[in-house]
Structures are given as structure tokens and as C-alpha cells.
Amino acid sequence: RAESVRETLSNCAVDTLFGEASGMLVLSSSTPGEFSWSTERGGLFTQALYNTLATGCKNGTFRWEQILKNIQQKTAKYQRPQLAWFAPHHA
């Protein structure tokens, strides 16, 4: 049976990426005007994100900059994913 995303990524440093960060992170699979590609297994961006996070769970490398770089390398032939980080706004 195939592992679910939750099973693969549980008990690893993904909590650091999502739980300990503050601000807003915006990920997109492609640039404006560009197509996002998929296979029978799903979107290329989603597959690259999942595989990058799963690999990070194994070797403990969890930095958004590195994650985006890995995703960009895996999808470069077809599309250009983007990442934007917005720091929290304090009133």
C-alpha cells in the first residue's frame, strides 16, 4: 500500500516549516502566463514539493530556500515555481 502524505511526513521537521514560522508564505507552481503541467500521478509542482519534503524528512534539511531550489530544479524543464515570503505585519 502506498504511504499517505501524512504518514511520510509525520514526526519530522515539517513542523518547523509550518509550525514555528511566522508570516505568510505563498508558493505557486508557475509564473503568470505559464502553464502548470501534470502527469497521471498529479501536478509536477505538487510531486516535486512532496518528494522534496519527504527527502528532507530523511536528512533533516528544512529551509524554505532549499525546498524551493529543489522544486525549481525538478520542474525547470516545464515550469518555473515561485515562492514569496511576507514577514508578519505588526500594528
N, C-alpha and C. Protein backbone atom coordinates (compact mmCIF):
# COMPACT_ATOMS: atom_id res chain seq x y z
N ARG A 1 0.84 -1.18 0.00
CA ARG A 1 0.00 0.00 0.00
C ARG A 1 0.88 1.23 0.00
N ALA A 2 0.45 2.24 -0.70
CA ALA A 2 1.21 3.50 -0.76
C ALA A 2 1.02 4.27 0.54
N GLU A 3 2.11 4.88 1.00
CA GLU A 3 2.02 5.72 2.20
C GLU A 3 1.29 7.01 1.89
N SER A 4 0.54 7.48 2.84
CA SER A 4 -0.11 8.78 2.67
C SER A 4 0.92 9.87 2.94
N VAL A 5 0.60 11.08 2.51
CA VAL A 5 1.48 12.22 2.77
C VAL A 5 1.69 12.36 4.26
N ARG A 6 0.64 12.25 5.04
CA ARG A 6 0.74 12.40 6.49
C ARG A 6 1.69 11.36 7.08
N GLU A 7 1.58 10.11 6.66
CA GLU A 7 2.46 9.06 7.18
C GLU A 7 3.91 9.32 6.82
N THR A 8 4.13 9.77 5.60
CA THR A 8 5.50 10.01 5.14
C THR A 8 6.14 11.18 5.87
N LEU A 9 5.36 12.22 6.10
CA LEU A 9 5.92 13.45 6.65
C LEU A 9 5.72 13.61 8.15
N SER A 10 5.03 12.67 8.79
CA SER A 10 4.80 12.81 10.23
C SER A 10 6.10 12.59 11.00
N ASN A 11 6.13 13.17 12.19
CA ASN A 11 7.27 13.02 13.10
C ASN A 11 8.58 13.48 12.49
N CYS A 12 8.54 14.51 11.69
CA CYS A 12 9.77 15.06 11.14
C CYS A 12 9.73 16.57 11.24
N ALA A 13 10.72 17.23 10.71
CA ALA A 13 10.90 18.67 10.90
C ALA A 13 9.95 19.54 10.09
N VAL A 14 8.96 18.95 9.44
CA VAL A 14 7.99 19.77 8.72
C VAL A 14 7.29 20.72 9.69
N ASP A 15 7.15 20.30 10.96
CA ASP A 15 6.58 21.18 11.97
C ASP A 15 7.35 22.49 12.05
N THR A 16 8.65 22.43 11.85
CA THR A 16 9.47 23.64 11.87
C THR A 16 9.07 24.57 10.73
N LEU A 17 8.84 24.01 9.56
CA LEU A 17 8.49 24.84 8.41
C LEU A 17 7.14 25.52 8.58
N PHE A 18 6.18 24.80 9.13
CA PHE A 18 4.82 25.32 9.20
C PHE A 18 4.43 25.80 10.60
N GLY A 19 4.94 25.15 11.62
CA GLY A 19 4.51 25.47 12.98
C GLY A 19 5.31 26.55 13.66
N GLU A 20 6.60 26.63 13.40
CA GLU A 20 7.45 27.58 14.09
C GLU A 20 7.70 28.84 13.29
N ALA A 21 7.25 28.89 12.07
CA ALA A 21 7.45 30.07 11.23
C ALA A 21 6.36 31.09 11.51
N SER A 22 6.65 32.33 11.19
CA SER A 22 5.62 33.36 11.27
C SER A 22 5.62 34.12 9.95
N GLY A 23 4.52 34.77 9.67
CA GLY A 23 4.40 35.47 8.40
C GLY A 23 3.54 34.67 7.44
N MET A 24 3.68 34.98 6.18
CA MET A 24 2.87 34.31 5.16
C MET A 24 3.78 33.84 4.04
N LEU A 25 3.60 32.62 3.63
CA LEU A 25 4.36 32.02 2.55
C LEU A 25 3.40 31.75 1.40
N VAL A 26 3.78 32.18 0.21
CA VAL A 26 2.97 31.93 -0.98
C VAL A 26 3.81 31.14 -1.97
N LEU A 27 3.37 29.94 -2.28
CA LEU A 27 4.02 29.08 -3.28
C LEU A 27 3.09 28.98 -4.47
N SER A 28 3.66 29.07 -5.65
CA SER A 28 2.85 28.83 -6.85
C SER A 28 3.62 27.92 -7.78
N SER A 29 2.90 27.16 -8.55
CA SER A 29 3.52 26.15 -9.40
C SER A 29 4.18 26.72 -10.65
N SER A 30 3.82 27.95 -11.02
CA SER A 30 4.36 28.53 -12.25
C SER A 30 4.26 30.05 -12.20
N THR A 31 4.89 30.70 -13.16
CA THR A 31 4.84 32.16 -13.24
C THR A 31 3.58 32.58 -14.00
N PRO A 32 3.18 33.86 -13.86
CA PRO A 32 1.99 34.33 -14.59
C PRO A 32 2.13 34.08 -16.10
N GLY A 33 1.06 33.60 -16.71
CA GLY A 33 1.04 33.33 -18.14
C GLY A 33 1.64 31.99 -18.53
N GLU A 34 2.11 31.23 -17.57
CA GLU A 34 2.76 29.95 -17.84
C GLU A 34 1.84 28.81 -17.43
N PHE A 35 1.85 27.72 -18.18
CA PHE A 35 1.06 26.54 -17.83
C PHE A 35 1.71 25.77 -16.70
N SER A 36 0.90 25.11 -15.90
CA SER A 36 1.37 24.15 -14.91
C SER A 36 1.08 22.77 -15.47
N TRP A 37 2.08 21.89 -15.44
CA TRP A 37 1.98 20.59 -16.09
C TRP A 37 1.68 19.50 -15.07
N SER A 38 1.11 18.41 -15.58
CA SER A 38 0.81 17.27 -14.71
C SER A 38 0.99 15.97 -15.48
N THR A 39 1.02 14.90 -14.72
CA THR A 39 1.04 13.55 -15.27
C THR A 39 -0.15 12.81 -14.67
N GLU A 40 -0.26 11.53 -14.95
CA GLU A 40 -1.33 10.74 -14.36
C GLU A 40 -1.21 10.67 -12.83
N ARG A 41 -0.04 10.96 -12.29
CA ARG A 41 0.17 10.94 -10.83
C ARG A 41 -0.14 12.28 -10.18
N GLY A 42 -0.45 13.31 -10.96
CA GLY A 42 -0.76 14.62 -10.40
C GLY A 42 0.15 15.70 -10.95
N GLY A 43 0.05 16.89 -10.37
CA GLY A 43 0.82 18.03 -10.83
C GLY A 43 2.31 17.87 -10.60
N LEU A 44 3.11 18.36 -11.54
CA LEU A 44 4.57 18.27 -11.40
C LEU A 44 5.05 19.03 -10.18
N PHE A 45 4.49 20.21 -9.95
CA PHE A 45 4.88 21.01 -8.79
C PHE A 45 4.55 20.27 -7.49
N THR A 46 3.35 19.72 -7.40
CA THR A 46 2.94 19.01 -6.19
C THR A 46 3.81 17.78 -5.96
N GLN A 47 4.13 17.05 -7.02
CA GLN A 47 5.01 15.88 -6.90
C GLN A 47 6.39 16.31 -6.41
N ALA A 48 6.92 17.40 -6.99
CA ALA A 48 8.24 17.88 -6.59
C ALA A 48 8.25 18.36 -5.15
N LEU A 49 7.20 19.05 -4.73
CA LEU A 49 7.10 19.52 -3.34
C LEU A 49 7.04 18.33 -2.39
N TYR A 50 6.19 17.38 -2.67
CA TYR A 50 6.07 16.19 -1.83
C TYR A 50 7.40 15.44 -1.72
N ASN A 51 8.04 15.18 -2.86
CA ASN A 51 9.31 14.44 -2.86
C ASN A 51 10.40 15.21 -2.12
N THR A 52 10.42 16.53 -2.27
CA THR A 52 11.41 17.34 -1.58
C THR A 52 11.18 17.30 -0.07
N LEU A 53 9.94 17.42 0.36
CA LEU A 53 9.64 17.35 1.79
C LEU A 53 9.94 15.97 2.35
N ALA A 54 9.60 14.92 1.61
CA ALA A 54 9.87 13.56 2.07
C ALA A 54 11.37 13.32 2.20
N THR A 55 12.16 13.82 1.26
CA THR A 55 13.61 13.69 1.33
C THR A 55 14.15 14.48 2.50
N GLY A 56 13.61 15.68 2.72
CA GLY A 56 14.03 16.50 3.85
C GLY A 56 13.77 15.82 5.17
N CYS A 57 12.69 15.04 5.26
CA CYS A 57 12.39 14.30 6.49
C CYS A 57 13.49 13.29 6.78
N LYS A 58 14.04 12.72 5.73
CA LYS A 58 15.08 11.70 5.91
C LYS A 58 16.42 12.30 6.29
N ASN A 59 16.75 13.48 5.73
CA ASN A 59 18.09 14.03 6.00
C ASN A 59 18.07 15.31 6.82
N GLY A 60 16.89 15.77 7.24
CA GLY A 60 16.79 16.90 8.14
C GLY A 60 17.05 18.27 7.54
N THR A 61 16.97 18.41 6.24
CA THR A 61 17.20 19.72 5.61
C THR A 61 15.87 20.41 5.38
N PHE A 62 15.57 21.37 6.22
CA PHE A 62 14.30 22.06 6.14
C PHE A 62 14.49 23.56 6.16
N ARG A 63 14.73 24.11 5.02
CA ARG A 63 14.78 25.55 4.83
C ARG A 63 13.97 25.84 3.58
N TRP A 64 13.09 26.83 3.67
CA TRP A 64 12.24 27.12 2.52
C TRP A 64 13.05 27.44 1.28
N GLU A 65 14.18 28.13 1.44
CA GLU A 65 15.00 28.48 0.29
C GLU A 65 15.50 27.22 -0.43
N GLN A 66 15.94 26.23 0.34
CA GLN A 66 16.44 24.98 -0.24
C GLN A 66 15.30 24.17 -0.86
N ILE A 67 14.16 24.18 -0.21
CA ILE A 67 13.00 23.47 -0.74
C ILE A 67 12.61 24.04 -2.09
N LEU A 68 12.52 25.37 -2.20
CA LEU A 68 12.17 25.98 -3.48
C LEU A 68 13.22 25.68 -4.54
N LYS A 69 14.49 25.76 -4.17
CA LYS A 69 15.56 25.46 -5.13
C LYS A 69 15.42 24.04 -5.67
N ASN A 70 15.15 23.09 -4.78
CA ASN A 70 14.97 21.70 -5.22
C ASN A 70 13.77 21.55 -6.15
N ILE A 71 12.66 22.21 -5.79
CA ILE A 71 11.46 22.13 -6.63
C ILE A 71 11.73 22.76 -7.99
N GLN A 72 12.40 23.90 -8.00
CA GLN A 72 12.71 24.56 -9.26
C GLN A 72 13.58 23.67 -10.14
N GLN A 73 14.56 23.00 -9.55
CA GLN A 73 15.42 22.10 -10.32
C GLN A 73 14.63 20.93 -10.90
N LYS A 74 13.70 20.41 -10.13
CA LYS A 74 12.93 19.24 -10.58
C LYS A 74 11.90 19.58 -11.66
N THR A 75 11.48 20.84 -11.73
CA THR A 75 10.43 21.23 -12.68
C THR A 75 10.92 22.18 -13.77
N ALA A 76 12.19 22.52 -13.77
CA ALA A 76 12.73 23.58 -14.64
C ALA A 76 12.45 23.36 -16.12
N LYS A 77 12.38 22.13 -16.55
CA LYS A 77 12.15 21.86 -17.97
C LYS A 77 10.73 22.26 -18.41
N TYR A 78 9.80 22.33 -17.47
CA TYR A 78 8.39 22.53 -17.81
C TYR A 78 7.77 23.82 -17.28
N GLN A 79 8.18 24.25 -16.09
CA GLN A 79 7.55 25.42 -15.48
C GLN A 79 8.50 26.03 -14.44
N ARG A 80 8.17 27.25 -14.00
CA ARG A 80 9.02 27.96 -13.05
C ARG A 80 8.23 28.31 -11.78
N PRO A 81 8.32 27.46 -10.75
CA PRO A 81 7.62 27.73 -9.50
C PRO A 81 8.15 29.01 -8.84
N GLN A 82 7.32 29.61 -8.02
CA GLN A 82 7.69 30.83 -7.32
C GLN A 82 7.44 30.68 -5.83
N LEU A 83 8.19 31.43 -5.04
CA LEU A 83 7.99 31.49 -3.61
C LEU A 83 8.07 32.94 -3.18
N ALA A 84 7.15 33.35 -2.34
CA ALA A 84 7.19 34.69 -1.76
C ALA A 84 6.96 34.56 -0.26
N TRP A 85 7.80 35.23 0.51
CA TRP A 85 7.69 35.20 1.96
C TRP A 85 7.38 36.59 2.44
N PHE A 86 6.33 36.72 3.22
CA PHE A 86 5.94 38.02 3.77
C PHE A 86 6.05 37.96 5.28
N ALA A 87 6.88 38.83 5.85
CA ALA A 87 7.04 38.87 7.30
C ALA A 87 5.74 39.35 7.94
N PRO A 88 5.51 38.94 9.18
CA PRO A 88 4.27 39.38 9.83
C PRO A 88 4.24 40.90 9.97
N HIS A 89 3.06 41.44 9.83
CA HIS A 89 2.87 42.88 9.99
C HIS A 89 2.40 43.15 11.41
N HIS A 90 3.12 43.99 12.11
CA HIS A 90 2.75 44.33 13.48
C HIS A 90 2.16 45.73 13.51
N ALA A 91 1.00 45.87 14.12
CA ALA A 91 0.33 47.17 14.20
C ALA A 91 0.96 48.05 15.26
